[in-house]
C-alpha atoms as a PDB file:
ATOM      1  CA  MET A   1       0.000   0.000   0.000  1.00  0.00           C
ATOM      2  CA  SER A   2       2.870   2.357   0.798  1.00  0.00           C
ATOM      3  CA  GLU A   3       4.150   1.958  -2.769  1.00  0.00           C
ATOM      4  CA  LEU A   4       0.989   3.635  -4.006  1.00  0.00           C
ATOM      5  CA  PHE A   5       2.076   6.892  -2.353  1.00  0.00           C
ATOM      6  CA  ASP A   6       5.754   6.705  -3.356  1.00  0.00           C
ATOM      7  CA  LEU A   7       6.584   9.938  -5.190  1.00  0.00           C
ATOM      8  CA  PRO A   8       9.427  10.942  -7.526  1.00  0.00           C
ATOM      9  CA  SER A   9      12.379  12.467  -5.687  1.00  0.00           C
ATOM     10  CA  ASP A  10      12.125  15.737  -7.620  1.00  0.00           C
ATOM     11  CA  LEU A  11       8.860  16.601  -5.809  1.00  0.00           C
ATOM     12  CA  GLN A  12      10.781  17.015  -2.516  1.00  0.00           C
ATOM     13  CA  ASN A  13       7.638  16.281  -0.469  1.00  0.00           C
ATOM     14  CA  SER A  14       5.687  13.330   0.842  1.00  0.00           C
ATOM     15  CA  TYR A  15       2.092  12.859  -0.257  1.00  0.00           C
ATOM     16  CA  LEU A  16       0.801  14.212   3.058  1.00  0.00           C
ATOM     17  CA  GLY A  17       3.181  17.143   2.681  1.00  0.00           C
ATOM     18  CA  LEU A  18       1.681  17.919  -0.722  1.00  0.00           C
ATOM     19  CA  VAL A  19      -1.824  17.689   0.750  1.00  0.00           C
ATOM     20  CA  GLY A  20      -0.905  20.156   3.491  1.00  0.00           C
ATOM     21  CA  LEU A  21       0.601  22.604   1.000  1.00  0.00           C
ATOM     22  CA  HIS A  22      -2.427  22.251  -1.263  1.00  0.00           C
ATOM     23  CA  LEU A  23      -4.773  23.108   1.599  1.00  0.00           C
ATOM     24  CA  ARG A  24      -2.641  26.084   2.592  1.00  0.00           C
ATOM     25  CA  GLU A  25      -2.569  27.487  -0.935  1.00  0.00           C
ATOM     26  CA  ALA A  26      -6.326  26.947  -1.307  1.00  0.00           C
ATOM     27  CA  LEU A  27      -7.725  28.083   2.046  1.00  0.00           C
ATOM     28  CA  ILE A  28      -5.540  31.079   2.937  1.00  0.00           C
ATOM     29  CA  PRO A  29      -6.839  32.985  -0.140  1.00  0.00           C
ATOM     30  CA  VAL A  30     -10.438  32.224   0.860  1.00  0.00           C
ATOM     31  CA  LEU A  31      -9.748  33.515   4.381  1.00  0.00           C
ATOM     32  CA  VAL A  32      -8.184  36.675   2.964  1.00  0.00           C
ATOM     33  CA  GLY A  33     -11.138  37.047   0.605  1.00  0.00           C
ATOM     34  CA  LEU A  34     -13.528  36.740   3.543  1.00  0.00           C
ATOM     35  CA  LEU A  35     -11.657  39.426   5.519  1.00  0.00           C
ATOM     36  CA  VAL A  36     -11.892  41.756   2.515  1.00  0.00           C
ATOM     37  CA  ALA A  37     -15.487  40.856   1.666  1.00  0.00           C
ATOM     38  CA  LEU A  38     -16.891  41.535   5.156  1.00  0.00           C
ATOM     39  CA  PRO A  39     -16.257  45.318   5.209  1.00  0.00           C
ATOM     40  CA  VAL A  40     -16.919  45.674   1.471  1.00  0.00           C
ATOM     41  CA  ALA A  41     -20.275  43.898   1.799  1.00  0.00           C
ATOM     42  CA  GLN A  42     -21.261  46.018   4.805  1.00  0.00           C
ATOM     43  CA  LEU A  43     -20.412  49.160   2.824  1.00  0.00           C
ATOM     44  CA  CYS A  44     -22.608  47.880  -0.006  1.00  0.00           C
ATOM     45  CA  VAL A  45     -25.446  47.309   2.461  1.00  0.00           C
ATOM     46  CA  ARG A  46     -25.162  50.822   3.887  1.00  0.00           C
ATOM     47  CA  VAL A  47     -24.574  52.538   0.513  1.00  0.00           C
ATOM     48  CA  ARG A  48     -26.873  50.592  -1.793  1.00  0.00           C
ATOM     49  CA  TRP A  49     -25.748  52.144  -5.076  1.00  0.00           C
ATOM     50  CA  LEU A  50     -22.233  50.746  -4.514  1.00  0.00           C
ATOM     51  CA  TYR A  51     -23.394  47.140  -4.725  1.00  0.00           C
ATOM     52  CA  ALA A  52     -23.851  47.057  -8.509  1.00  0.00           C
ATOM     53  CA  PRO A  53     -20.405  48.495  -9.399  1.00  0.00           C
ATOM     54  CA  VAL A  54     -18.652  46.319  -6.772  1.00  0.00           C
ATOM     55  CA  LEU A  55     -20.394  43.241  -8.147  1.00  0.00           C
ATOM     56  CA  TRP A  56     -19.454  44.293 -11.688  1.00  0.00           C
ATOM     57  CA  VAL A  57     -15.758  44.707 -10.768  1.00  0.00           C
ATOM     58  CA  THR A  58     -15.555  41.339  -8.979  1.00  0.00           C
ATOM     59  CA  THR A  59     -17.322  39.619 -11.875  1.00  0.00           C
ATOM     60  CA  VAL A  60     -14.920  41.122 -14.428  1.00  0.00           C
ATOM     61  CA  LEU A  61     -11.926  39.994 -12.340  1.00  0.00           C
ATOM     62  CA  TYR A  62     -13.472  36.521 -12.034  1.00  0.00           C
ATOM     63  CA  ALA A  63     -13.749  36.369 -15.811  1.00  0.00           C
ATOM     64  CA  ILE A  64      -9.939  36.568 -16.157  1.00  0.00           C
ATOM     65  CA  PRO A  65      -8.678  33.003 -16.796  1.00  0.00           C
ATOM     66  CA  SER A  66      -6.643  31.739 -13.860  1.00  0.00           C
ATOM     67  CA  LEU A  67      -3.618  30.867 -16.004  1.00  0.00           C
ATOM     68  CA  ALA A  68      -3.549  34.354 -17.536  1.00  0.00           C
ATOM     69  CA  PHE A  69      -3.857  35.879 -14.049  1.00  0.00           C
ATOM     70  CA  PHE A  70      -0.911  33.787 -12.851  1.00  0.00           C
ATOM     71  CA  VAL A  71       1.240  34.794 -15.833  1.00  0.00           C
ATOM     72  CA  ILE A  72       0.511  38.508 -15.272  1.00  0.00           C
ATOM     73  CA  LEU A  73       1.619  38.249 -11.641  1.00  0.00           C
ATOM     74  CA  ILE A  74       4.847  36.330 -12.327  1.00  0.00           C
ATOM     75  CA  ASP A  75       6.707  39.567 -13.172  1.00  0.00           C
ATOM     76  CA  TYR A  76       5.814  40.942  -9.722  1.00  0.00           C
ATOM     77  CA  THR A  77       5.705  37.945  -7.382  1.00  0.00           C
ATOM     78  CA  GLY A  78       7.802  35.359  -9.234  1.00  0.00           C
ATOM     79  CA  LEU A  79       7.158  31.606  -9.228  1.00  0.00           C
ATOM     80  CA  SER A  80       5.841  31.583  -5.679  1.00  0.00           C
ATOM     81  CA  GLU A  81       2.775  30.589  -3.711  1.00  0.00           C
ATOM     82  CA  LEU A  82       1.736  34.246  -3.686  1.00  0.00           C
ATOM     83  CA  THR A  83       1.323  34.143  -7.459  1.00  0.00           C
ATOM     84  CA  VAL A  84      -1.310  31.440  -7.019  1.00  0.00           C
ATOM     85  CA  MET A  85      -2.937  32.822  -3.872  1.00  0.00           C
ATOM     86  CA  ILE A  86      -3.661  36.366  -5.097  1.00  0.00           C
ATOM     87  CA  PRO A  87      -5.996  35.320  -7.975  1.00  0.00           C
ATOM     88  CA  LEU A  88      -7.758  32.787  -5.742  1.00  0.00           C
ATOM     89  CA  ALA A  89      -8.428  35.485  -3.136  1.00  0.00           C
ATOM     90  CA  VAL A  90      -9.791  37.780  -5.854  1.00  0.00           C
ATOM     91  CA  TYR A  91     -11.983  35.015  -7.307  1.00  0.00           C
ATOM     92  CA  SER A  92     -13.495  34.314  -3.881  1.00  0.00           C
ATOM     93  CA  LEU A  93     -14.887  37.866  -3.722  1.00  0.00           C
ATOM     94  CA  VAL A  94     -17.391  37.234  -6.525  1.00  0.00           C
ATOM     95  CA  VAL A  95     -19.053  34.602  -4.324  1.00  0.00           C
ATOM     96  CA  LEU A  96     -18.482  35.996  -0.829  1.00  0.00           C
ATOM     97  CA  VAL A  97     -19.583  39.603  -1.357  1.00  0.00           C
ATOM     98  CA  PRO A  98     -23.083  38.702  -2.670  1.00  0.00           C
ATOM     99  CA  ALA A  99     -23.472  35.982  -0.026  1.00  0.00           C
ATOM    100  CA  ILE A 100     -22.684  38.387   2.800  1.00  0.00           C
ATOM    101  CA  VAL A 101     -24.818  41.185   1.341  1.00  0.00           C
ATOM    102  CA  ASP A 102     -27.813  38.867   0.911  1.00  0.00           C
ATOM    103  CA  GLY A 103     -27.334  37.436   4.403  1.00  0.00           C
ATOM    104  CA  VAL A 104     -27.057  40.821   6.106  1.00  0.00           C
ATOM    105  CA  ARG A 105     -30.023  42.226   4.180  1.00  0.00           C
ATOM    106  CA  SER A 106     -32.124  39.281   5.355  1.00  0.00           C
ATOM    107  CA  VAL A 107     -31.871  40.441   8.987  1.00  0.00           C
ATOM    108  CA  PRO A 108     -35.323  41.723  10.028  1.00  0.00           C
ATOM    109  CA  GLN A 109     -35.582  45.476  10.596  1.00  0.00           C
ATOM    110  CA  GLU A 110     -37.275  44.788  13.938  1.00  0.00           C
ATOM    111  CA  THR A 111     -34.133  42.980  15.084  1.00  0.00           C
ATOM    112  CA  LEU A 112     -31.933  45.887  14.054  1.00  0.00           C
ATOM    113  CA  ALA A 113     -34.237  48.364  15.750  1.00  0.00           C
ATOM    114  CA  ALA A 114     -34.148  46.330  18.957  1.00  0.00           C
ATOM    115  CA  ALA A 115     -30.347  46.208  18.872  1.00  0.00           C
ATOM    116  CA  THR A 116     -30.174  49.957  18.313  1.00  0.00           C
ATOM    117  CA  ALA A 117     -32.579  50.547  21.213  1.00  0.00           C
ATOM    118  CA  MET A 118     -30.255  48.485  23.427  1.00  0.00           C
ATOM    119  CA  GLY A 119     -27.411  50.865  22.625  1.00  0.00           C
ATOM    120  CA  PHE A 120     -25.602  48.837  19.962  1.00  0.00           C
ATOM    121  CA  GLY A 121     -23.497  51.000  17.651  1.00  0.00           C
ATOM    122  CA  PRO A 122     -23.088  50.208  13.929  1.00  0.00           C
ATOM    123  CA  VAL A 123     -19.970  48.059  14.379  1.00  0.00           C
ATOM    124  CA  ARG A 124     -21.288  46.142  17.391  1.00  0.00           C
ATOM    125  CA  ARG A 125     -24.649  45.620  15.692  1.00  0.00           C
ATOM    126  CA  TYR A 126     -22.909  44.293  12.578  1.00  0.00           C
ATOM    127  CA  VAL A 127     -20.636  41.901  14.483  1.00  0.00           C
ATOM    128  CA  GLN A 128     -23.015  40.678  17.189  1.00  0.00           C
ATOM    129  CA  VAL A 129     -26.383  40.788  15.435  1.00  0.00           C
ATOM    130  CA  GLN A 130     -26.182  40.874  11.643  1.00  0.00           C
ATOM    131  CA  LEU A 131     -23.280  38.489  11.044  1.00  0.00           C
ATOM    132  CA  PRO A 132     -24.584  35.699  13.335  1.00  0.00           C
ATOM    133  CA  ILE A 133     -27.993  35.812  11.653  1.00  0.00           C
ATOM    134  CA  ALA A 134     -26.341  35.914   8.224  1.00  0.00           C
ATOM    135  CA  ALA A 135     -24.036  32.986   9.089  1.00  0.00           C
ATOM    136  CA  PRO A 136     -25.893  30.368   6.968  1.00  0.00           C
ATOM    137  CA  ALA A 137     -25.636  32.545   3.854  1.00  0.00           C
ATOM    138  CA  ILE A 138     -22.006  33.409   4.523  1.00  0.00           C
ATOM    139  CA  ILE A 139     -20.995  29.781   5.046  1.00  0.00           C
ATOM    140  CA  ALA A 140     -22.887  28.801   1.893  1.00  0.00           C
ATOM    141  CA  GLY A 141     -20.694  31.277   0.034  1.00  0.00           C
ATOM    142  CA  LEU A 142     -17.590  29.961   1.779  1.00  0.00           C
ATOM    143  CA  ARG A 143     -18.443  26.430   0.654  1.00  0.00           C
ATOM    144  CA  VAL A 144     -18.583  27.455  -3.002  1.00  0.00           C
ATOM    145  CA  ALA A 145     -15.431  29.606  -2.752  1.00  0.00           C
ATOM    146  CA  SER A 146     -13.428  26.963  -0.883  1.00  0.00           C
ATOM    147  CA  VAL A 147     -14.276  24.072  -3.206  1.00  0.00           C
ATOM    148  CA  SER A 148     -13.482  26.250  -6.219  1.00  0.00           C
ATOM    149  CA  SER A 149     -10.172  27.303  -4.661  1.00  0.00           C
ATOM    150  CA  VAL A 150      -9.146  23.704  -3.898  1.00  0.00           C
ATOM    151  CA  SER A 151      -9.750  22.871  -7.542  1.00  0.00           C
ATOM    152  CA  LEU A 152      -7.930  25.882  -9.023  1.00  0.00           C
ATOM    153  CA  VAL A 153      -4.744  25.455  -6.974  1.00  0.00           C
ATOM    154  CA  SER A 154      -3.738  22.599  -9.273  1.00  0.00           C
ATOM    155  CA  VAL A 155      -3.586  24.995 -12.226  1.00  0.00           C
ATOM    156  CA  GLY A 156      -0.577  26.587 -10.534  1.00  0.00           C
ATOM    157  CA  MET A 157       1.616  23.697 -11.638  1.00  0.00           C
ATOM    158  CA  LEU A 158       1.411  25.069 -15.208  1.00  0.00           C
ATOM    159  CA  ILE A 159       3.557  28.037 -14.155  1.00  0.00           C
ATOM    160  CA  GLY A 160       5.985  25.916 -12.144  1.00  0.00           C
ATOM    161  CA  ASN A 161       4.498  26.467  -8.687  1.00  0.00           C
ATOM    162  CA  GLU A 162       5.920  23.742  -6.448  1.00  0.00           C
ATOM    163  CA  GLY A 163       4.158  21.904  -3.669  1.00  0.00           C
ATOM    164  CA  ALA A 164       0.508  21.320  -4.456  1.00  0.00           C
ATOM    165  CA  LEU A 165      -1.177  18.175  -5.735  1.00  0.00           C
ATOM    166  CA  GLY A 166      -1.163  19.587  -9.250  1.00  0.00           C
ATOM    167  CA  ASN A 167       2.531  18.735  -9.441  1.00  0.00           C
ATOM    168  CA  LEU A 168       1.612  15.052  -9.256  1.00  0.00           C
ATOM    169  CA  LEU A 169      -0.373  15.502 -12.447  1.00  0.00           C
ATOM    170  CA  ASN A 170       2.646  17.020 -14.171  1.00  0.00           C
ATOM    171  CA  SER A 171       4.951  14.279 -12.852  1.00  0.00           C
ATOM    172  CA  GLY A 172       2.493  11.587 -13.941  1.00  0.00           C
ATOM    173  CA  LEU A 173       2.554  12.919 -17.485  1.00  0.00           C
ATOM    174  CA  THR A 174       6.325  13.390 -17.443  1.00  0.00           C
ATOM    175  CA  TYR A 175       7.135   9.895 -16.151  1.00  0.00           C
ATOM    176  CA  ASN A 176       4.138   8.218 -17.817  1.00  0.00           C
ATOM    177  CA  GLN A 177       2.766   7.042 -14.466  1.00  0.00           C
ATOM    178  CA  PRO A 178      -1.063   7.015 -14.366  1.00  0.00           C
ATOM    179  CA  ARG A 179      -0.812   6.276 -10.634  1.00  0.00           C
ATOM    180  CA  LEU A 180       0.464   9.806  -9.979  1.00  0.00           C
ATOM    181  CA  ILE A 181      -2.289  11.307 -12.121  1.00  0.00           C
ATOM    182  CA  TRP A 182      -4.933   9.424 -10.138  1.00  0.00           C
ATOM    183  CA  LEU A 183      -3.330  10.476  -6.850  1.00  0.00           C
ATOM    184  CA  SER A 184      -3.602  14.098  -7.979  1.00  0.00           C
ATOM    185  CA  VAL A 185      -7.165  13.967  -9.317  1.00  0.00           C
ATOM    186  CA  VAL A 186      -8.687  11.799  -6.578  1.00  0.00           C
ATOM    187  CA  GLY A 187      -6.735  13.610  -3.854  1.00  0.00           C
ATOM    188  CA  THR A 188      -8.023  16.995  -5.006  1.00  0.00           C
ATOM    189  CA  ALA A 189     -11.614  15.725  -5.162  1.00  0.00           C
ATOM    190  CA  VAL A 190     -11.396  14.193  -1.684  1.00  0.00           C
ATOM    191  CA  LEU A 191      -9.907  17.392  -0.266  1.00  0.00           C
ATOM    192  CA  ALA A 192     -12.762  19.423  -1.751  1.00  0.00           C
ATOM    193  CA  LEU A 193     -15.326  17.070  -0.186  1.00  0.00           C
ATOM    194  CA  LEU A 194     -13.601  17.172   3.211  1.00  0.00           C
ATOM    195  CA  VAL A 195     -13.397  20.972   3.213  1.00  0.00           C
ATOM    196  CA  ASP A 196     -17.060  21.185   2.264  1.00  0.00           C
ATOM    197  CA  ALA A 197     -17.992  18.741   5.046  1.00  0.00           C
ATOM    198  CA  ALA A 198     -15.957  20.757   7.569  1.00  0.00           C
ATOM    199  CA  LEU A 199     -17.820  23.936   6.621  1.00  0.00           C
ATOM    200  CA  ILE A 200     -21.153  22.148   6.968  1.00  0.00           C
ATOM    201  CA  GLY A 201     -20.083  21.102  10.468  1.00  0.00           C
ATOM    202  CA  LEU A 202     -19.085  24.706  11.230  1.00  0.00           C
ATOM    203  CA  ARG A 203     -22.480  25.904  10.066  1.00  0.00           C
ATOM    204  CA  VAL A 204     -24.226  23.447  12.380  1.00  0.00           C
ATOM    205  CA  LEU A 205     -22.120  24.663  15.319  1.00  0.00           C
ATOM    206  CA  LEU A 206     -22.727  28.331  14.584  1.00  0.00           C
ATOM    207  CA  THR A 207     -26.470  28.059  13.952  1.00  0.00           C
ATOM    208  CA  PRO A 208     -27.908  25.821  16.687  1.00  0.00           C
ATOM    209  CA  TRP A 209     -30.954  28.079  16.743  1.00  0.00           C
ATOM    210  CA  MET A 210     -32.050  26.950  13.264  1.00  0.00           C
ATOM    211  CA  PRO A 211     -34.251  23.836  12.870  1.00  0.00           C
ATOM    212  CA  ARG A 212     -32.272  21.181  10.974  1.00  0.00           C
ATOM    213  CA  ALA A 213     -34.674  20.847   8.060  1.00  0.00           C
ATOM    214  CA  THR A 214     -35.023  24.589   7.641  1.00  0.00           C
ATOM    215  CA  ARG A 215     -31.294  25.113   7.920  1.00  0.00           C
ATOM    216  CA  ARG A 216     -30.529  22.398   5.370  1.00  0.00           C
ATOM    217  CA  ASN A 217     -33.061  23.664   2.827  1.00  0.00           C
ATOM    218  CA  LYS A 218     -32.019  27.284   3.227  1.00  0.00           C
ATOM    219  CA  VAL A 219     -28.324  26.596   2.774  1.00  0.00           C
ATOM    220  CA  ARG A 220     -28.972  24.311  -0.202  1.00  0.00           C
ATOM    221  CA  ALA A 221     -30.976  27.078  -1.881  1.00  0.00           C
ATOM    222  CA  LEU A 222     -28.255  29.636  -1.178  1.00  0.00           C
ATOM    223  CA  THR A 223     -25.543  27.331  -2.497  1.00  0.00           C
ATOM    224  CA  VAL A 224     -27.473  26.809  -5.748  1.00  0.00           C
ATOM    225  CA  LYS A 225     -28.060  30.550  -6.008  1.00  0.00           C
ATOM    226  CA  GLU A 226     -24.367  31.363  -5.660  1.00  0.00           C
ATOM    227  CA  ALA A 227     -23.370  28.601  -8.084  1.00  0.00           C
ATOM    228  CA  VAL A 228     -25.720  30.028 -10.717  1.00  0.00           C
ATOM    229  CA  ARG A 229     -24.133  33.421 -10.286  1.00  0.00           C
END
């Protein structure tokens, strides 16, 4: 069984090492995208006319092919993880900004009025009232962004980025070893499923106040909505 995971010496990593690097290159951009999307989405909620141009800009950036994005950045960041992570963080915004905006806008006005009457300022109301209620929508967006990011990391091997599972695909073609190709493809798919399952578990922990059936149906609808976008 161990022979299945034996890798060429030029990869300089074990299979588990490649998995760890793949996760790092995929999930750090999503986290950065979330940190950027939270204030941007709140600004779009407060200044409604900004939402359309922000959505237009993120959509245009998303339309740039990942390989072309990587090539443009090589002159500035070289053949590094950063070259792969920057486009993935940008791509995550097209999913996360609408998810957060829709989630925050779904908070009932009565709830906001009650929070204001209790002395909550804008920031405290956003963090302690709006975001918790919007959590299902936000995590639905995170699921789409994370799975997409896990998939796109492998494209980085086309520009010589070392470390992720995509390198197994390149090595499999180079050494004519289908085993390495399968390790890359199946490994990436399994990682995407595990990340998605982890986010579902996080959603359950963060929204104990939602009935299971309602929570499941709502998140499924939001996930489909974001995928269509």
